[in-house]
N, C-alpha and C. Protein backbone atom coordinates (compact mmCIF):
# COMPACT_ATOMS: atom_id res chain seq x y z
N UNK A 1 141.50 84.12 159.98
CA UNK A 1 142.59 84.47 159.07
C UNK A 1 143.66 83.39 159.17
N UNK A 2 144.15 82.89 158.04
CA UNK A 2 145.22 81.89 158.08
C UNK A 2 146.44 82.44 158.81
N UNK A 3 147.14 81.51 159.53
CA UNK A 3 148.28 81.95 160.34
C UNK A 3 149.36 82.63 159.50
N UNK A 4 149.65 82.13 158.31
CA UNK A 4 150.72 82.72 157.47
C UNK A 4 150.38 84.16 157.10
N UNK A 5 149.10 84.40 156.75
CA UNK A 5 148.70 85.75 156.37
C UNK A 5 148.76 86.68 157.59
N UNK A 6 148.33 86.12 158.75
CA UNK A 6 148.37 86.91 159.99
C UNK A 6 149.81 87.34 160.31
N UNK A 7 150.75 86.40 160.11
CA UNK A 7 152.16 86.71 160.40
C UNK A 7 152.69 87.80 159.47
N UNK A 8 152.28 87.76 158.18
CA UNK A 8 152.74 88.80 157.24
C UNK A 8 152.20 90.18 157.64
N UNK A 9 150.92 90.24 158.04
CA UNK A 9 150.34 91.51 158.46
C UNK A 9 151.05 92.04 159.70
N UNK A 10 151.36 91.14 160.64
CA UNK A 10 152.05 91.55 161.87
C UNK A 10 153.43 92.09 161.57
N UNK A 11 154.15 91.41 160.67
CA UNK A 11 155.50 91.85 160.32
C UNK A 11 155.45 93.22 159.63
N UNK A 12 154.49 93.40 158.73
CA UNK A 12 154.36 94.70 158.01
C UNK A 12 154.05 95.83 158.98
N UNK A 13 153.20 95.56 159.96
CA UNK A 13 152.85 96.57 160.94
C UNK A 13 154.06 96.98 161.77
N UNK A 14 154.85 95.98 162.20
CA UNK A 14 156.05 96.27 162.99
C UNK A 14 157.07 97.07 162.20
N UNK A 15 157.28 96.71 160.93
CA UNK A 15 158.23 97.44 160.08
C UNK A 15 157.78 98.89 159.90
N UNK A 16 156.48 99.08 159.67
CA UNK A 16 155.94 100.43 159.52
C UNK A 16 156.15 101.27 160.76
N UNK A 17 155.93 100.67 161.93
CA UNK A 17 156.12 101.40 163.18
C UNK A 17 157.56 101.80 163.37
N UNK A 18 158.48 100.91 163.00
CA UNK A 18 159.91 101.20 163.13
C UNK A 18 160.30 102.35 162.22
N UNK A 19 159.82 102.37 160.96
CA UNK A 19 160.14 103.43 160.01
C UNK A 19 159.63 104.78 160.51
N UNK A 20 158.41 104.82 161.01
CA UNK A 20 157.85 106.07 161.54
C UNK A 20 158.69 106.58 162.69
N UNK A 21 159.12 105.65 163.57
CA UNK A 21 159.94 106.05 164.72
C UNK A 21 161.25 106.65 164.28
N UNK A 22 161.88 106.05 163.25
CA UNK A 22 163.16 106.56 162.76
C UNK A 22 163.00 107.95 162.16
N UNK A 23 161.94 108.17 161.36
CA UNK A 23 161.71 109.48 160.74
C UNK A 23 161.47 110.55 161.79
N UNK A 24 160.65 110.22 162.78
CA UNK A 24 160.38 111.20 163.84
C UNK A 24 161.62 111.53 164.62
N UNK A 25 162.47 110.53 164.86
CA UNK A 25 163.72 110.76 165.59
C UNK A 25 164.65 111.68 164.82
N UNK A 26 164.73 111.46 163.48
CA UNK A 26 165.60 112.31 162.65
C UNK A 26 165.09 113.74 162.62
N UNK A 27 163.76 113.91 162.52
CA UNK A 27 163.21 115.27 162.49
C UNK A 27 163.45 115.97 163.80
N UNK A 28 163.32 115.24 164.89
CA UNK A 28 163.59 115.84 166.21
C UNK A 28 165.02 116.28 166.30
N UNK A 29 165.92 115.46 165.74
CA UNK A 29 167.34 115.83 165.75
C UNK A 29 167.59 117.08 164.97
N UNK A 30 166.86 117.27 163.84
CA UNK A 30 167.03 118.47 163.03
C UNK A 30 166.64 119.71 163.82
N UNK A 31 165.53 119.65 164.53
CA UNK A 31 165.07 120.82 165.27
C UNK A 31 165.95 121.12 166.46
N UNK A 32 166.64 120.11 166.97
CA UNK A 32 167.54 120.35 168.11
C UNK A 32 168.93 120.79 167.69
N UNK A 33 169.17 120.82 166.38
CA UNK A 33 170.48 121.20 165.86
C UNK A 33 170.46 122.66 165.44
N UNK A 34 171.12 123.57 166.18
CA UNK A 34 171.09 125.00 165.84
C UNK A 34 171.57 125.29 164.43
N UNK A 35 172.56 124.51 163.97
CA UNK A 35 173.10 124.76 162.64
C UNK A 35 172.07 124.49 161.57
N UNK A 36 171.13 123.52 161.86
CA UNK A 36 170.14 123.16 160.87
C UNK A 36 168.92 124.06 160.94
N UNK A 37 168.73 124.76 162.05
CA UNK A 37 167.53 125.59 162.21
C UNK A 37 167.82 127.08 162.16
N UNK A 38 169.08 127.47 161.97
CA UNK A 38 169.44 128.90 162.00
C UNK A 38 168.70 129.69 160.93
N UNK A 39 168.48 129.06 159.77
CA UNK A 39 167.82 129.78 158.69
C UNK A 39 166.33 129.99 158.98
N UNK A 40 165.80 129.22 159.93
CA UNK A 40 164.38 129.32 160.25
C UNK A 40 164.14 130.23 161.43
N UNK A 41 165.19 130.55 162.19
CA UNK A 41 165.02 131.35 163.39
C UNK A 41 164.69 132.79 163.02
N UNK A 42 163.65 133.38 163.60
CA UNK A 42 163.31 134.77 163.29
C UNK A 42 164.31 135.74 163.85
N UNK A 43 164.50 136.90 163.18
CA UNK A 43 165.39 137.92 163.70
C UNK A 43 164.77 138.56 164.93
N UNK A 44 165.61 138.86 165.89
CA UNK A 44 165.15 139.52 167.10
C UNK A 44 166.03 140.73 167.36
N UNK A 45 165.67 141.52 168.37
CA UNK A 45 166.45 142.70 168.70
C UNK A 45 167.86 142.32 169.14
N UNK A 46 168.04 141.06 169.57
CA UNK A 46 169.37 140.62 169.99
C UNK A 46 170.24 140.32 168.78
N UNK A 47 169.65 139.73 167.72
CA UNK A 47 170.44 139.40 166.54
C UNK A 47 170.55 140.58 165.59
N UNK A 48 169.59 141.51 165.63
CA UNK A 48 169.62 142.71 164.78
C UNK A 48 169.23 143.91 165.64
N UNK A 49 170.21 144.64 166.16
CA UNK A 49 169.90 145.76 167.06
C UNK A 49 169.10 146.88 166.39
N UNK A 50 169.08 146.89 165.04
CA UNK A 50 168.37 147.96 164.33
C UNK A 50 166.97 147.54 163.88
N UNK A 51 166.53 146.36 164.32
CA UNK A 51 165.25 145.84 163.87
C UNK A 51 164.09 146.78 164.17
N UNK A 52 164.14 147.45 165.33
CA UNK A 52 163.02 148.32 165.73
C UNK A 52 163.25 149.79 165.35
N UNK A 53 164.36 150.08 164.67
CA UNK A 53 164.67 151.47 164.33
C UNK A 53 163.85 152.00 163.16
N UNK A 54 163.24 151.10 162.40
CA UNK A 54 162.45 151.52 161.24
C UNK A 54 161.28 152.41 161.65
N UNK A 55 160.71 152.15 162.81
CA UNK A 55 159.57 152.95 163.26
C UNK A 55 159.97 154.39 163.52
N UNK A 56 161.16 154.59 164.10
CA UNK A 56 161.64 155.96 164.33
C UNK A 56 161.99 156.63 163.01
N UNK A 57 162.60 155.89 162.09
CA UNK A 57 162.91 156.44 160.77
C UNK A 57 161.63 156.91 160.09
N UNK A 58 160.56 156.13 160.21
CA UNK A 58 159.28 156.52 159.62
C UNK A 58 158.68 157.74 160.33
N UNK A 59 158.88 157.80 161.65
CA UNK A 59 158.30 158.89 162.44
C UNK A 59 158.94 160.24 162.10
N UNK A 60 160.22 160.26 161.77
CA UNK A 60 160.88 161.53 161.48
C UNK A 60 160.72 161.96 160.02
N UNK A 61 160.29 161.04 159.17
CA UNK A 61 160.21 161.35 157.73
C UNK A 61 159.37 162.59 157.43
N UNK A 62 158.20 162.78 158.06
CA UNK A 62 157.41 163.96 157.75
C UNK A 62 158.10 165.28 158.15
N UNK A 63 159.10 165.20 159.02
CA UNK A 63 159.80 166.41 159.47
C UNK A 63 160.91 166.83 158.50
N UNK A 64 161.22 165.98 157.53
CA UNK A 64 162.28 166.30 156.55
C UNK A 64 161.70 167.20 155.47
N UNK A 65 161.66 168.48 155.75
CA UNK A 65 161.07 169.46 154.84
C UNK A 65 161.79 170.79 154.97
N UNK A 66 161.43 171.73 154.12
CA UNK A 66 162.04 173.04 154.19
C UNK A 66 163.55 172.98 154.02
N UNK A 67 164.28 173.48 155.00
CA UNK A 67 165.74 173.56 154.91
C UNK A 67 166.41 172.20 154.91
N UNK A 68 165.71 171.15 155.34
CA UNK A 68 166.32 169.82 155.37
C UNK A 68 165.49 168.82 154.53
N UNK A 69 164.85 169.33 153.48
CA UNK A 69 164.00 168.47 152.63
C UNK A 69 164.79 167.37 151.95
N UNK A 70 166.10 167.56 151.78
CA UNK A 70 166.93 166.56 151.10
C UNK A 70 167.30 165.39 152.00
N UNK A 71 166.96 165.48 153.29
CA UNK A 71 167.28 164.38 154.20
C UNK A 71 166.40 163.17 153.87
N UNK A 72 167.02 162.03 153.63
CA UNK A 72 166.32 160.83 153.20
C UNK A 72 166.22 159.81 154.32
N UNK A 73 165.03 159.35 154.55
CA UNK A 73 164.82 158.27 155.53
C UNK A 73 165.51 157.00 155.06
N UNK A 74 166.15 156.30 155.99
CA UNK A 74 166.78 155.01 155.69
C UNK A 74 165.72 153.92 155.78
N UNK A 75 165.48 153.22 154.70
CA UNK A 75 164.43 152.20 154.67
C UNK A 75 164.78 150.98 155.51
N UNK A 76 166.04 150.62 155.54
CA UNK A 76 166.47 149.48 156.36
C UNK A 76 167.62 149.94 157.26
N UNK A 77 167.30 150.42 158.45
CA UNK A 77 168.36 150.94 159.34
C UNK A 77 169.42 149.89 159.65
N UNK A 78 170.67 150.35 159.62
CA UNK A 78 171.83 149.51 159.93
C UNK A 78 172.81 150.32 160.75
N UNK A 79 173.72 149.64 161.40
CA UNK A 79 174.79 150.32 162.10
C UNK A 79 175.93 150.58 161.12
N UNK A 80 176.49 151.77 161.18
CA UNK A 80 177.62 152.11 160.30
C UNK A 80 178.88 151.40 160.79
N UNK A 81 179.90 151.29 159.95
CA UNK A 81 181.18 150.75 160.41
C UNK A 81 181.66 151.54 161.63
N UNK A 82 182.32 150.87 162.56
CA UNK A 82 182.73 151.52 163.80
C UNK A 82 183.98 152.37 163.56
N UNK A 83 183.79 153.50 162.88
CA UNK A 83 184.90 154.38 162.52
C UNK A 83 185.47 155.05 163.77
N UNK A 84 186.69 155.56 163.64
CA UNK A 84 187.37 156.17 164.78
C UNK A 84 187.24 157.68 164.74
N UNK A 85 187.07 158.25 165.92
CA UNK A 85 186.98 159.70 166.08
C UNK A 85 188.18 160.14 166.90
N UNK A 86 189.02 160.99 166.32
CA UNK A 86 190.25 161.42 167.01
C UNK A 86 190.08 162.85 167.54
N UNK A 87 190.42 163.01 168.81
CA UNK A 87 190.40 164.32 169.45
C UNK A 87 191.69 164.48 170.22
N UNK A 88 192.46 165.53 169.90
CA UNK A 88 193.73 165.77 170.59
C UNK A 88 194.59 164.53 170.62
N UNK A 89 194.65 163.84 169.48
CA UNK A 89 195.48 162.64 169.28
C UNK A 89 195.02 161.46 170.12
N UNK A 90 193.83 161.55 170.69
CA UNK A 90 193.21 160.42 171.37
C UNK A 90 192.01 160.00 170.52
N UNK A 91 191.82 158.69 170.35
CA UNK A 91 190.72 158.25 169.48
C UNK A 91 189.72 157.40 170.25
N UNK A 92 188.50 157.41 169.77
CA UNK A 92 187.45 156.59 170.31
C UNK A 92 186.57 156.10 169.18
N UNK A 93 185.89 154.98 169.35
CA UNK A 93 185.01 154.48 168.27
C UNK A 93 183.70 155.24 168.24
N UNK A 94 183.10 155.27 167.07
CA UNK A 94 181.78 155.90 166.92
C UNK A 94 180.76 155.26 167.84
N UNK A 95 180.93 153.97 168.11
CA UNK A 95 179.96 153.26 168.97
C UNK A 95 179.90 153.84 170.37
N UNK A 96 180.90 154.61 170.78
CA UNK A 96 180.84 155.27 172.09
C UNK A 96 179.70 156.28 172.19
N UNK A 97 179.18 156.68 171.02
CA UNK A 97 178.10 157.67 171.01
C UNK A 97 176.72 157.02 171.28
N UNK A 98 176.68 155.70 171.31
CA UNK A 98 175.41 155.05 171.55
C UNK A 98 174.83 155.46 172.91
N UNK A 99 173.53 155.60 172.94
CA UNK A 99 172.88 156.11 174.14
C UNK A 99 172.32 157.50 173.91
N UNK A 100 172.77 158.14 172.83
CA UNK A 100 172.27 159.45 172.45
C UNK A 100 172.06 159.48 170.94
N UNK A 101 171.19 160.35 170.48
CA UNK A 101 171.01 160.54 169.05
C UNK A 101 172.24 161.30 168.53
N UNK A 102 172.75 160.88 167.38
CA UNK A 102 173.99 161.47 166.86
C UNK A 102 173.78 161.95 165.42
N UNK A 103 174.20 163.17 165.16
CA UNK A 103 174.24 163.68 163.80
C UNK A 103 175.71 163.69 163.36
N UNK A 104 176.08 162.71 162.55
CA UNK A 104 177.45 162.56 162.07
C UNK A 104 177.61 163.30 160.76
N UNK A 105 178.49 164.31 160.75
CA UNK A 105 178.71 165.13 159.55
C UNK A 105 180.17 165.00 159.13
N UNK A 106 180.38 164.64 157.87
CA UNK A 106 181.74 164.56 157.31
C UNK A 106 182.02 165.85 156.56
N UNK A 107 183.14 166.51 156.92
CA UNK A 107 183.43 167.80 156.31
C UNK A 107 184.94 167.98 156.17
N UNK A 108 185.35 169.02 155.45
CA UNK A 108 186.76 169.35 155.28
C UNK A 108 186.89 170.84 155.04
N UNK A 109 188.05 171.41 155.39
CA UNK A 109 188.25 172.86 155.24
C UNK A 109 188.32 173.26 153.79
N UNK A 110 188.69 172.32 152.89
CA UNK A 110 188.78 172.65 151.47
C UNK A 110 187.43 172.54 150.76
N UNK A 111 186.42 172.12 151.48
CA UNK A 111 185.07 171.93 150.91
C UNK A 111 184.24 173.18 151.21
N UNK A 112 183.93 173.95 150.16
CA UNK A 112 183.20 175.21 150.34
C UNK A 112 181.83 175.02 150.98
N UNK A 113 180.98 174.12 150.47
CA UNK A 113 179.66 173.95 151.12
C UNK A 113 179.78 173.44 152.56
N UNK A 114 180.85 172.69 152.85
CA UNK A 114 181.08 172.24 154.23
C UNK A 114 181.30 173.44 155.14
N UNK A 115 182.15 174.35 154.68
CA UNK A 115 182.45 175.54 155.48
C UNK A 115 181.18 176.39 155.69
N UNK A 116 180.34 176.43 154.67
CA UNK A 116 179.14 177.25 154.76
C UNK A 116 178.13 176.71 155.78
N UNK A 117 178.05 175.38 155.92
CA UNK A 117 177.07 174.81 156.86
C UNK A 117 177.62 174.61 158.27
N UNK A 118 178.95 174.75 158.44
CA UNK A 118 179.55 174.50 159.75
C UNK A 118 178.98 175.38 160.86
N UNK A 119 178.76 176.69 160.63
CA UNK A 119 178.18 177.52 161.71
C UNK A 119 176.81 177.03 162.17
N UNK A 120 176.00 176.50 161.22
CA UNK A 120 174.67 176.01 161.62
C UNK A 120 174.77 174.74 162.44
N UNK A 121 175.75 173.90 162.14
CA UNK A 121 175.98 172.71 162.95
C UNK A 121 176.42 173.10 164.36
N UNK A 122 177.24 174.14 164.43
CA UNK A 122 177.71 174.63 165.72
C UNK A 122 176.54 175.16 166.55
N UNK A 123 175.62 175.88 165.92
CA UNK A 123 174.45 176.41 166.62
C UNK A 123 173.51 175.28 167.05
N UNK A 124 173.38 174.25 166.22
CA UNK A 124 172.54 173.10 166.58
C UNK A 124 173.11 172.42 167.82
N UNK A 125 174.43 172.24 167.85
CA UNK A 125 175.05 171.62 169.03
C UNK A 125 174.85 172.48 170.27
N UNK A 126 174.99 173.78 170.12
CA UNK A 126 174.81 174.69 171.26
C UNK A 126 173.39 174.63 171.81
N UNK A 127 172.43 174.43 170.91
CA UNK A 127 171.02 174.44 171.34
C UNK A 127 170.56 173.10 171.91
N UNK A 128 170.94 171.97 171.26
CA UNK A 128 170.40 170.68 171.67
C UNK A 128 171.44 169.70 172.21
N UNK A 129 172.71 170.04 172.05
CA UNK A 129 173.76 169.11 172.48
C UNK A 129 173.71 168.81 173.97
N UNK A 130 174.02 167.56 174.31
CA UNK A 130 174.02 167.15 175.72
C UNK A 130 173.95 165.64 175.83
N UNK A 131 173.36 165.15 176.90
CA UNK A 131 173.32 163.70 177.15
C UNK A 131 172.46 162.97 176.13
N UNK A 132 171.51 163.65 175.50
CA UNK A 132 170.59 163.00 174.58
C UNK A 132 170.94 163.18 173.11
N UNK A 133 171.86 164.10 172.82
CA UNK A 133 172.15 164.40 171.42
C UNK A 133 173.53 165.02 171.28
N UNK A 134 174.20 164.69 170.17
CA UNK A 134 175.47 165.35 169.86
C UNK A 134 175.67 165.44 168.35
N UNK A 135 176.18 166.58 167.93
CA UNK A 135 176.66 166.74 166.56
C UNK A 135 178.12 166.28 166.53
N UNK A 136 178.40 165.30 165.70
CA UNK A 136 179.78 164.82 165.53
C UNK A 136 180.23 165.29 164.17
N UNK A 137 180.90 166.42 164.13
CA UNK A 137 181.44 166.97 162.88
C UNK A 137 182.85 166.40 162.71
N UNK A 138 182.98 165.41 161.85
CA UNK A 138 184.24 164.68 161.68
C UNK A 138 185.02 165.24 160.49
N UNK A 139 186.15 165.89 160.79
CA UNK A 139 186.95 166.52 159.74
C UNK A 139 187.72 165.50 158.93
N UNK A 140 187.72 165.68 157.60
CA UNK A 140 188.37 164.75 156.67
C UNK A 140 189.71 165.25 156.12
N UNK A 141 190.21 166.38 156.60
CA UNK A 141 191.50 166.86 156.12
C UNK A 141 192.60 165.84 156.44
N UNK A 142 193.47 165.62 155.49
CA UNK A 142 194.58 164.69 155.71
C UNK A 142 195.95 165.37 155.59
N UNK A 143 195.97 166.65 155.17
CA UNK A 143 197.22 167.43 155.07
C UNK A 143 197.01 168.79 155.71
N UNK A 144 198.11 169.39 156.12
CA UNK A 144 198.05 170.71 156.77
C UNK A 144 197.00 170.73 157.88
N UNK A 145 197.13 169.79 158.81
CA UNK A 145 196.10 169.60 159.82
C UNK A 145 195.99 170.80 160.77
N UNK A 146 197.04 171.59 160.86
CA UNK A 146 196.96 172.78 161.71
C UNK A 146 195.95 173.79 161.18
N UNK A 147 195.58 173.65 159.91
CA UNK A 147 194.63 174.57 159.30
C UNK A 147 193.23 174.39 159.91
N UNK A 148 192.93 173.18 160.38
CA UNK A 148 191.57 172.89 160.86
C UNK A 148 191.22 173.72 162.10
N UNK A 149 192.00 173.63 163.20
CA UNK A 149 191.65 174.46 164.36
C UNK A 149 191.73 175.95 164.06
N UNK A 150 192.65 176.34 163.17
CA UNK A 150 192.76 177.75 162.81
C UNK A 150 191.47 178.24 162.15
N UNK A 151 190.95 177.43 161.23
CA UNK A 151 189.71 177.82 160.55
C UNK A 151 188.54 177.86 161.53
N UNK A 152 188.45 176.86 162.39
CA UNK A 152 187.36 176.83 163.38
C UNK A 152 187.41 178.04 164.30
N UNK A 153 188.61 178.37 164.77
CA UNK A 153 188.76 179.53 165.65
C UNK A 153 188.38 180.82 164.93
N UNK A 154 188.85 180.94 163.69
CA UNK A 154 188.61 182.17 162.93
C UNK A 154 187.13 182.37 162.61
N UNK A 155 186.36 181.28 162.60
CA UNK A 155 184.95 181.37 162.24
C UNK A 155 184.02 181.18 163.45
N UNK A 156 184.59 181.25 164.64
CA UNK A 156 183.77 181.22 165.85
C UNK A 156 183.05 179.92 166.11
N UNK A 157 183.64 178.80 165.68
CA UNK A 157 183.02 177.48 165.92
C UNK A 157 183.52 177.00 167.29
N UNK A 158 182.67 177.14 168.29
CA UNK A 158 183.10 176.87 169.66
C UNK A 158 182.36 175.73 170.37
N UNK A 159 181.20 175.34 169.84
CA UNK A 159 180.38 174.34 170.54
C UNK A 159 180.70 172.91 170.11
N UNK A 160 181.25 172.73 168.93
CA UNK A 160 181.52 171.39 168.42
C UNK A 160 182.83 170.84 168.95
N UNK A 161 182.82 169.57 169.32
CA UNK A 161 184.07 168.87 169.64
C UNK A 161 184.84 168.71 168.34
N UNK A 162 186.15 168.90 168.38
CA UNK A 162 186.95 168.92 167.15
C UNK A 162 187.43 167.53 166.77
N UNK A 163 186.48 166.75 166.27
CA UNK A 163 186.79 165.39 165.85
C UNK A 163 187.51 165.42 164.50
N UNK A 164 188.52 164.56 164.38
CA UNK A 164 189.29 164.49 163.14
C UNK A 164 189.52 163.04 162.74
N UNK A 165 189.80 162.85 161.46
CA UNK A 165 190.16 161.54 160.91
C UNK A 165 191.32 161.76 159.95
N UNK A 166 192.53 162.02 160.48
CA UNK A 166 193.66 162.38 159.63
C UNK A 166 194.05 161.31 158.63
N UNK A 167 193.67 160.07 158.89
CA UNK A 167 194.01 159.01 157.95
C UNK A 167 192.98 158.83 156.84
N UNK A 168 191.85 159.51 156.95
CA UNK A 168 190.81 159.41 155.94
C UNK A 168 190.11 158.04 155.90
N UNK A 169 190.25 157.26 156.98
CA UNK A 169 189.68 155.91 156.96
C UNK A 169 188.16 155.90 157.03
N UNK A 170 187.59 156.88 157.72
CA UNK A 170 186.13 156.92 157.83
C UNK A 170 185.49 157.06 156.45
N UNK A 171 186.01 157.98 155.65
CA UNK A 171 185.49 158.19 154.32
C UNK A 171 185.61 156.91 153.48
N UNK A 172 186.77 156.27 153.57
CA UNK A 172 187.02 155.05 152.80
C UNK A 172 186.06 153.94 153.21
N UNK A 173 185.88 153.77 154.52
CA UNK A 173 185.01 152.69 155.02
C UNK A 173 183.55 152.93 154.63
N UNK A 174 183.12 154.17 154.69
CA UNK A 174 181.74 154.47 154.34
C UNK A 174 181.52 154.42 152.83
N UNK A 175 182.52 154.82 152.07
CA UNK A 175 182.41 154.71 150.61
C UNK A 175 182.37 153.25 150.18
N UNK A 176 183.06 152.38 150.91
CA UNK A 176 183.09 150.95 150.57
C UNK A 176 181.72 150.31 150.67
N UNK A 177 180.84 150.87 151.50
CA UNK A 177 179.49 150.31 151.63
C UNK A 177 178.46 151.20 150.91
N UNK A 178 178.95 152.12 150.09
CA UNK A 178 178.07 152.94 149.26
C UNK A 178 177.34 154.03 150.01
N UNK A 179 177.90 154.50 151.14
CA UNK A 179 177.20 155.48 151.96
C UNK A 179 177.73 156.90 151.78
N UNK A 180 178.79 157.09 151.05
CA UNK A 180 179.31 158.44 150.85
C UNK A 180 180.07 158.50 149.53
N UNK A 181 179.89 159.61 148.83
CA UNK A 181 180.62 159.81 147.58
C UNK A 181 181.27 161.19 147.53
N UNK A 182 180.85 162.10 148.40
CA UNK A 182 181.41 163.43 148.42
C UNK A 182 181.13 164.11 149.75
N UNK A 183 181.56 165.36 149.87
CA UNK A 183 181.39 166.12 151.09
C UNK A 183 180.59 167.38 150.79
N UNK A 184 179.79 167.85 151.77
CA UNK A 184 179.53 167.20 153.06
C UNK A 184 178.49 166.08 152.91
N UNK A 185 178.58 165.11 153.82
CA UNK A 185 177.56 164.06 153.93
C UNK A 185 177.20 163.95 155.40
N UNK A 186 175.92 163.80 155.67
CA UNK A 186 175.45 163.78 157.06
C UNK A 186 174.59 162.56 157.31
N UNK A 187 174.80 161.93 158.47
CA UNK A 187 174.05 160.75 158.87
C UNK A 187 173.38 161.00 160.22
N UNK A 188 172.13 160.60 160.34
CA UNK A 188 171.42 160.69 161.62
C UNK A 188 171.31 159.29 162.21
N UNK A 189 171.86 159.10 163.38
CA UNK A 189 171.86 157.81 164.06
C UNK A 189 170.99 157.87 165.31
N UNK A 190 170.24 156.80 165.56
CA UNK A 190 169.42 156.78 166.78
C UNK A 190 170.27 156.38 167.98
N UNK A 191 169.65 156.18 169.12
CA UNK A 191 170.39 155.89 170.36
C UNK A 191 171.14 154.55 170.31
N UNK A 192 170.73 153.68 169.42
CA UNK A 192 171.41 152.39 169.27
C UNK A 192 172.54 152.44 168.24
N UNK A 193 172.76 153.62 167.68
CA UNK A 193 173.78 153.78 166.66
C UNK A 193 173.32 153.32 165.29
N UNK A 194 172.01 153.20 165.10
CA UNK A 194 171.46 152.73 163.82
C UNK A 194 171.15 153.93 162.92
N UNK A 195 171.52 153.81 161.67
CA UNK A 195 171.31 154.88 160.69
C UNK A 195 169.83 154.97 160.33
N UNK A 196 169.20 156.12 160.61
CA UNK A 196 167.78 156.28 160.30
C UNK A 196 167.52 157.33 159.23
N UNK A 197 168.52 158.15 158.91
CA UNK A 197 168.36 159.14 157.83
C UNK A 197 169.74 159.61 157.38
N UNK A 198 169.81 160.10 156.13
CA UNK A 198 171.10 160.55 155.59
C UNK A 198 170.88 161.63 154.54
N UNK A 199 171.92 162.42 154.34
CA UNK A 199 171.84 163.51 153.37
C UNK A 199 173.20 163.75 152.71
N UNK A 200 173.18 163.91 151.41
CA UNK A 200 174.36 164.32 150.66
C UNK A 200 174.19 165.80 150.36
N UNK A 201 175.19 166.61 150.75
CA UNK A 201 175.10 168.04 150.50
C UNK A 201 174.82 168.81 151.77
N UNK A 202 174.92 170.15 151.69
CA UNK A 202 174.77 170.99 152.88
C UNK A 202 173.31 171.29 153.23
N UNK A 203 173.13 171.76 154.45
CA UNK A 203 171.79 172.17 154.91
C UNK A 203 171.95 173.18 156.03
N UNK A 204 170.87 173.86 156.35
CA UNK A 204 170.86 174.77 157.50
C UNK A 204 170.39 173.96 158.71
N UNK A 205 171.34 173.44 159.47
CA UNK A 205 171.02 172.55 160.58
C UNK A 205 170.54 173.30 161.82
N UNK A 206 170.57 174.61 161.80
CA UNK A 206 170.04 175.38 162.92
C UNK A 206 168.64 175.90 162.64
N UNK A 207 168.08 175.52 161.49
CA UNK A 207 166.74 175.98 161.13
C UNK A 207 165.69 175.33 162.03
N UNK A 208 164.52 175.92 162.07
CA UNK A 208 163.44 175.37 162.89
C UNK A 208 163.01 174.00 162.37
N UNK A 209 163.11 173.79 161.05
CA UNK A 209 162.80 172.47 160.50
C UNK A 209 163.75 171.42 161.04
N UNK A 210 165.03 171.74 161.04
CA UNK A 210 166.03 170.80 161.54
C UNK A 210 165.86 170.56 163.04
N UNK A 211 165.61 171.61 163.79
CA UNK A 211 165.42 171.48 165.24
C UNK A 211 164.23 170.56 165.54
N UNK A 212 163.14 170.74 164.81
CA UNK A 212 161.95 169.93 165.03
C UNK A 212 162.23 168.45 164.74
N UNK A 213 162.97 168.19 163.68
CA UNK A 213 163.28 166.80 163.32
C UNK A 213 164.18 166.16 164.38
N UNK A 214 165.20 166.88 164.78
CA UNK A 214 166.12 166.31 165.79
C UNK A 214 165.38 166.08 167.11
N UNK A 215 164.53 167.00 167.50
CA UNK A 215 163.77 166.82 168.73
C UNK A 215 162.85 165.60 168.66
N UNK A 216 162.28 165.34 167.47
CA UNK A 216 161.46 164.14 167.30
C UNK A 216 162.31 162.89 167.39
N UNK A 217 163.51 162.93 166.85
CA UNK A 217 164.41 161.78 166.95
C UNK A 217 164.83 161.52 168.39
N UNK A 218 165.07 162.58 169.13
CA UNK A 218 165.45 162.44 170.54
C UNK A 218 164.29 161.84 171.34
N UNK A 219 163.08 162.24 171.02
CA UNK A 219 161.91 161.72 171.71
C UNK A 219 161.79 160.22 171.57
N UNK A 220 162.22 159.70 170.42
CA UNK A 220 162.21 158.26 170.19
C UNK A 220 160.89 157.74 169.67
């Protein structure tokens, strides 16, 4: 091979090697840059605490029948806004309930169907309430607040903790994400605080159908 042609081939080979090295270096830099790979990273239980809650939502779906047939499984479980629960002028976040299955019920004394289902919620709490489960009946009254304990006492509601939201912020926050439009509304949360089922309207929460569903949710 003539020397001039040999030199051209050698130069072309060296240039090609340099270009390949530069491309590989840039690609390596992309993979080492979290900002550039975040869209490729798979979701995990650490980034989405509700990722594994779909299986429980599916497991309880067959139990939503009879007295609680209107209970709808949540297709994509999420955590609700961390609303405040006030008891005796002391407040705590809803997230404090994590570790147990929670039935969050929004109600008010001026709501007739709310009043009708309250005794069944009280019986459900008396039967299953404890370290693994709690009914959180969150009152939405914003005026004449003294009426709430009076009504509860007059109707023999003794097992439920008297949670209140005198500012009405819970309703507003949940309505903002399209989760509530009226009362009563009930949400079933798993031990991680993830929403796995919800219902608009009243139900008999002390029925055997409801007991069976809650027990399945507690089982996990």
